[in-house]
C-alpha atoms as a PDB file:
ATOM      1  CA  MET A   1      27.994 -21.372  -5.616  1.00  0.00           C
ATOM      2  CA  MET A   2      25.492 -22.777  -3.127  1.00  0.00           C
ATOM      3  CA  THR A   3      25.815 -19.677  -0.985  1.00  0.00           C
ATOM      4  CA  ASP A   4      24.816 -17.516  -3.945  1.00  0.00           C
ATOM      5  CA  TRP A   5      21.588 -19.452  -4.229  1.00  0.00           C
ATOM      6  CA  LEU A   6      21.043 -19.141  -0.488  1.00  0.00           C
ATOM      7  CA  ILE A   7      21.353 -15.364  -0.698  1.00  0.00           C
ATOM      8  CA  VAL A   8      19.054 -15.169  -3.727  1.00  0.00           C
ATOM      9  CA  LEU A   9      16.463 -17.403  -2.031  1.00  0.00           C
ATOM     10  CA  GLY A  10      16.553 -15.296   1.128  1.00  0.00           C
ATOM     11  CA  ALA A  11      16.205 -12.094  -0.879  1.00  0.00           C
ATOM     12  CA  LEU A  12      13.205 -13.478  -2.771  1.00  0.00           C
ATOM     13  CA  ILE A  13      11.544 -14.548   0.475  1.00  0.00           C
ATOM     14  CA  ALA A  14      12.126 -11.075   1.945  1.00  0.00           C
ATOM     15  CA  ILE A  15      10.714  -9.395  -1.168  1.00  0.00           C
ATOM     16  CA  ILE A  16       7.616 -11.601  -1.074  1.00  0.00           C
ATOM     17  CA  GLY A  17       7.171 -10.698   2.598  1.00  0.00           C
ATOM     18  CA  GLY A  18       7.458  -7.013   1.716  1.00  0.00           C
ATOM     19  CA  VAL A  19       4.847  -7.275  -1.020  1.00  0.00           C
ATOM     20  CA  LEU A  20       2.507  -9.175   1.304  1.00  0.00           C
ATOM     21  CA  PHE A  21       3.032  -6.466   3.937  1.00  0.00           C
ATOM     22  CA  ILE A  22       1.992  -3.742   1.485  1.00  0.00           C
ATOM     23  CA  ILE A  23      -1.068  -5.803   0.501  1.00  0.00           C
ATOM     24  CA  GLU A  24      -2.051  -6.165   4.170  1.00  0.00           C
ATOM     25  CA  THR A  25      -1.674  -2.430   4.772  1.00  0.00           C
ATOM     26  CA  PHE A  26      -3.932  -1.753   1.799  1.00  0.00           C
ATOM     27  CA  LYS A  27      -6.543  -4.148   3.180  1.00  0.00           C
ATOM     28  CA  VAL A  28      -6.666  -2.079   6.366  1.00  0.00           C
ATOM     29  CA  SER A  29      -6.711   1.323   4.648  1.00  0.00           C
ATOM     30  CA  TRP A  30      -5.257   2.871   1.538  1.00  0.00           C
ATOM     31  CA  LEU A  31      -3.873   5.671   3.733  1.00  0.00           C
ATOM     32  CA  TRP A  32      -1.837   3.135   5.736  1.00  0.00           C
ATOM     33  CA  CYS A  33      -0.543   1.723   2.471  1.00  0.00           C
ATOM     34  CA  VAL A  34       0.548   5.104   1.128  1.00  0.00           C
ATOM     35  CA  GLY A  35       2.053   6.039   4.485  1.00  0.00           C
ATOM     36  CA  CYS A  36       4.050   2.807   4.734  1.00  0.00           C
ATOM     37  CA  ILE A  37       5.365   3.203   1.205  1.00  0.00           C
ATOM     38  CA  LEU A  38       6.377   6.858   1.578  1.00  0.00           C
ATOM     39  CA  LEU A  39       7.499   7.017   5.223  1.00  0.00           C
ATOM     40  CA  SER A  40       9.257   4.015   6.748  1.00  0.00           C
ATOM     41  CA  PRO A  41       8.558   4.873  10.432  1.00  0.00           C
ATOM     42  CA  ILE A  42       4.839   4.607   9.731  1.00  0.00           C
ATOM     43  CA  ALA A  43       5.387   0.939   8.901  1.00  0.00           C
ATOM     44  CA  ILE A  44       6.662   0.387  12.449  1.00  0.00           C
ATOM     45  CA  VAL A  45       3.562   2.078  13.828  1.00  0.00           C
ATOM     46  CA  PHE A  46       1.395  -0.113  11.594  1.00  0.00           C
ATOM     47  CA  ILE A  47       3.178  -3.264  12.772  1.00  0.00           C
ATOM     48  CA  ILE A  48       2.655  -2.324  16.420  1.00  0.00           C
ATOM     49  CA  ARG A  49      -0.990  -1.319  16.002  1.00  0.00           C
ATOM     50  CA  HIS A  50      -1.967  -4.164  13.660  1.00  0.00           C
ATOM     51  CA  TRP A  51       0.277  -7.024  14.769  1.00  0.00           C
ATOM     52  CA  GLU A  52      -2.241  -9.780  14.013  1.00  0.00           C
ATOM     53  CA  VAL A  53      -2.563  -8.570  10.423  1.00  0.00           C
ATOM     54  CA  SER A  54       1.116  -7.888   9.831  1.00  0.00           C
ATOM     55  CA  LYS A  55       2.597 -10.840  11.732  1.00  0.00           C
ATOM     56  CA  LYS A  56       2.990 -13.254   8.795  1.00  0.00           C
ATOM     57  CA  PRO A  57       4.541 -10.778   6.316  1.00  0.00           C
ATOM     58  CA  VAL A  58       6.918  -9.364   8.934  1.00  0.00           C
ATOM     59  CA  LEU A  59       8.074 -12.798  10.062  1.00  0.00           C
ATOM     60  CA  LEU A  60       8.481 -13.849   6.434  1.00  0.00           C
ATOM     61  CA  GLN A  61      10.707 -10.822   5.821  1.00  0.00           C
ATOM     62  CA  LEU A  62      12.746 -11.579   8.924  1.00  0.00           C
ATOM     63  CA  ALA A  63      13.170 -15.187   7.806  1.00  0.00           C
ATOM     64  CA  GLY A  64      14.360 -13.993   4.401  1.00  0.00           C
ATOM     65  CA  PHE A  65      16.852 -11.599   5.969  1.00  0.00           C
ATOM     66  CA  GLY A  66      18.032 -14.402   8.236  1.00  0.00           C
ATOM     67  CA  ILE A  67      18.658 -16.672   5.267  1.00  0.00           C
ATOM     68  CA  VAL A  68      20.586 -13.891   3.526  1.00  0.00           C
ATOM     69  CA  GLY A  69      22.612 -13.392   6.712  1.00  0.00           C
ATOM     70  CA  VAL A  70      23.480 -17.080   6.891  1.00  0.00           C
ATOM     71  CA  GLY A  71      24.558 -16.990   3.248  1.00  0.00           C
ATOM     72  CA  MET A  72      26.759 -13.971   3.937  1.00  0.00           C
ATOM     73  CA  LEU A  73      28.357 -15.679   6.939  1.00  0.00           C
ATOM     74  CA  VAL A  74      29.085 -18.784   4.897  1.00  0.00           C
ATOM     75  CA  ILE A  75      30.682 -16.676   2.142  1.00  0.00           C
ATOM     76  CA  ASP A  76      32.734 -14.824   4.752  1.00  0.00           C
ATOM     77  CA  SER A  77      34.050 -18.058   6.261  1.00  0.00           C
ATOM     78  CA  MET A  78      35.227 -19.424   2.894  1.00  0.00           C
END
């Protein structure tokens, strides 16, 4: 039961990071925003070119995925 909550918490953190990432792309340019939404590889280019802007949302997403991964490992070991 606790692992379910861990997975849900991690997913919510990752979703919040994703939304913040889209907001940051829009702050730079609406074209970056549209490009990141429609074509995933453009998001990688944006992250590389605008690391200072995208650092917090990307790390938040990674933390969320990490929490989900830990929850999955705990479920697997049960």
